[in-house]
């Protein structure tokens, strides 16, 4: 049986002081929404570090790691 909550829209990892932490975001409308969710769920540790995410926004548009890292940096300043 298919259940939408099992379908992760965006997932990946980011570096921390202690190693690697994994990211799972069920859905994000756009870049602004994704950045807000990342900071809310993972805190300031996700700002300014290497990250590798894959997936798409809820409308099917692909995410862009560089764009996400830049937006996180801007949000953190």
C-alpha atoms as a PDB file:
ATOM      1  CA  UNK A   1       0.000   0.000   0.000  1.00  0.00           C
ATOM      2  CA  UNK A   2       1.357   3.454  -0.964  1.00  0.00           C
ATOM      3  CA  UNK A   3       1.603   6.073   1.740  1.00  0.00           C
ATOM      4  CA  UNK A   4       2.756   9.592   0.767  1.00  0.00           C
ATOM      5  CA  UNK A   5       4.543  10.207   4.073  1.00  0.00           C
ATOM      6  CA  UNK A   6       7.078   7.518   3.120  1.00  0.00           C
ATOM      7  CA  UNK A   7       8.006   9.436  -0.007  1.00  0.00           C
ATOM      8  CA  UNK A   8      10.834  11.780   1.023  1.00  0.00           C
ATOM      9  CA  UNK A   9      11.045  14.732  -1.328  1.00  0.00           C
ATOM     10  CA  UNK A  10      14.531  15.879  -0.303  1.00  0.00           C
ATOM     11  CA  UNK A  11      17.261  13.940   1.453  1.00  0.00           C
ATOM     12  CA  UNK A  12      21.017  13.911   1.862  1.00  0.00           C
ATOM     13  CA  UNK A  13      23.707  14.849   4.350  1.00  0.00           C
ATOM     14  CA  UNK A  14      25.783  17.726   5.727  1.00  0.00           C
ATOM     15  CA  UNK A  15      29.062  17.980   7.625  1.00  0.00           C
ATOM     16  CA  UNK A  16      29.114  18.761  11.339  1.00  0.00           C
ATOM     17  CA  UNK A  17      31.867  19.163  13.905  1.00  0.00           C
ATOM     18  CA  UNK A  18      31.210  15.558  14.882  1.00  0.00           C
ATOM     19  CA  UNK A  19      30.918  13.920  11.460  1.00  0.00           C
ATOM     20  CA  UNK A  20      27.994  13.644   9.089  1.00  0.00           C
ATOM     21  CA  UNK A  21      24.340  14.323   9.849  1.00  0.00           C
ATOM     22  CA  UNK A  22      21.551  13.147   7.594  1.00  0.00           C
ATOM     23  CA  UNK A  23      18.749  15.299   6.187  1.00  0.00           C
ATOM     24  CA  UNK A  24      15.187  14.299   5.395  1.00  0.00           C
ATOM     25  CA  UNK A  25      12.584  16.838   4.340  1.00  0.00           C
ATOM     26  CA  UNK A  26       9.203  15.460   3.299  1.00  0.00           C
ATOM     27  CA  UNK A  27       8.254  18.446   1.184  1.00  0.00           C
ATOM     28  CA  UNK A  28       9.263  22.031   0.502  1.00  0.00           C
ATOM     29  CA  UNK A  29       7.420  24.499  -1.720  1.00  0.00           C
ATOM     30  CA  UNK A  30      10.525  26.397  -2.864  1.00  0.00           C
ATOM     31  CA  UNK A  31      14.022  27.495  -1.859  1.00  0.00           C
ATOM     32  CA  UNK A  32      12.821  29.896   0.856  1.00  0.00           C
ATOM     33  CA  UNK A  33      10.621  27.190   2.364  1.00  0.00           C
ATOM     34  CA  UNK A  34      13.443  24.623   2.233  1.00  0.00           C
ATOM     35  CA  UNK A  35      15.962  26.955   3.895  1.00  0.00           C
ATOM     36  CA  UNK A  36      13.464  27.714   6.688  1.00  0.00           C
ATOM     37  CA  UNK A  37      12.819  24.012   7.251  1.00  0.00           C
ATOM     38  CA  UNK A  38      16.543  23.173   7.266  1.00  0.00           C
ATOM     39  CA  UNK A  39      17.360  25.853   9.845  1.00  0.00           C
ATOM     40  CA  UNK A  40      14.340  24.951  11.981  1.00  0.00           C
ATOM     41  CA  UNK A  41      15.069  21.210  11.924  1.00  0.00           C
ATOM     42  CA  UNK A  42      18.885  21.200  11.946  1.00  0.00           C
ATOM     43  CA  UNK A  43      19.778  24.549  13.525  1.00  0.00           C
ATOM     44  CA  UNK A  44      22.713  26.808  12.804  1.00  0.00           C
ATOM     45  CA  UNK A  45      24.995  23.780  12.292  1.00  0.00           C
ATOM     46  CA  UNK A  46      23.740  23.471   8.710  1.00  0.00           C
ATOM     47  CA  UNK A  47      24.897  26.976   7.765  1.00  0.00           C
ATOM     48  CA  UNK A  48      28.320  27.326   6.129  1.00  0.00           C
ATOM     49  CA  UNK A  49      29.109  23.633   5.769  1.00  0.00           C
ATOM     50  CA  UNK A  50      29.351  21.204   2.899  1.00  0.00           C
ATOM     51  CA  UNK A  51      26.037  19.597   2.102  1.00  0.00           C
ATOM     52  CA  UNK A  52      24.795  17.221  -0.512  1.00  0.00           C
ATOM     53  CA  UNK A  53      21.053  17.046  -1.035  1.00  0.00           C
ATOM     54  CA  UNK A  54      18.970  15.469  -3.741  1.00  0.00           C
ATOM     55  CA  UNK A  55      15.304  15.567  -4.606  1.00  0.00           C
ATOM     56  CA  UNK A  56      12.781  18.090  -5.767  1.00  0.00           C
ATOM     57  CA  UNK A  57      10.348  20.691  -4.517  1.00  0.00           C
ATOM     58  CA  UNK A  58       6.682  19.720  -4.235  1.00  0.00           C
ATOM     59  CA  UNK A  59       6.020  20.929  -7.795  1.00  0.00           C
ATOM     60  CA  UNK A  60       8.719  18.632  -9.203  1.00  0.00           C
ATOM     61  CA  UNK A  61      11.385  21.314  -9.774  1.00  0.00           C
ATOM     62  CA  UNK A  62      14.855  19.941  -8.955  1.00  0.00           C
ATOM     63  CA  UNK A  63      16.811  21.377  -6.043  1.00  0.00           C
ATOM     64  CA  UNK A  64      20.244  22.951  -6.529  1.00  0.00           C
ATOM     65  CA  UNK A  65      22.865  22.380  -3.794  1.00  0.00           C
ATOM     66  CA  UNK A  66      24.857  25.529  -4.542  1.00  0.00           C
ATOM     67  CA  UNK A  67      21.715  27.658  -4.498  1.00  0.00           C
ATOM     68  CA  UNK A  68      20.722  26.119  -1.144  1.00  0.00           C
ATOM     69  CA  UNK A  69      24.168  26.729   0.411  1.00  0.00           C
ATOM     70  CA  UNK A  70      24.159  30.369  -0.733  1.00  0.00           C
ATOM     71  CA  UNK A  71      20.636  30.918   0.628  1.00  0.00           C
ATOM     72  CA  UNK A  72      21.621  29.340   3.964  1.00  0.00           C
ATOM     73  CA  UNK A  73      24.671  31.634   4.190  1.00  0.00           C
ATOM     74  CA  UNK A  74      22.503  34.692   3.485  1.00  0.00           C
ATOM     75  CA  UNK A  75      19.970  33.596   6.085  1.00  0.00           C
ATOM     76  CA  UNK A  76      22.705  33.099   8.674  1.00  0.00           C
ATOM     77  CA  UNK A  77      24.139  36.615   8.362  1.00  0.00           C
END
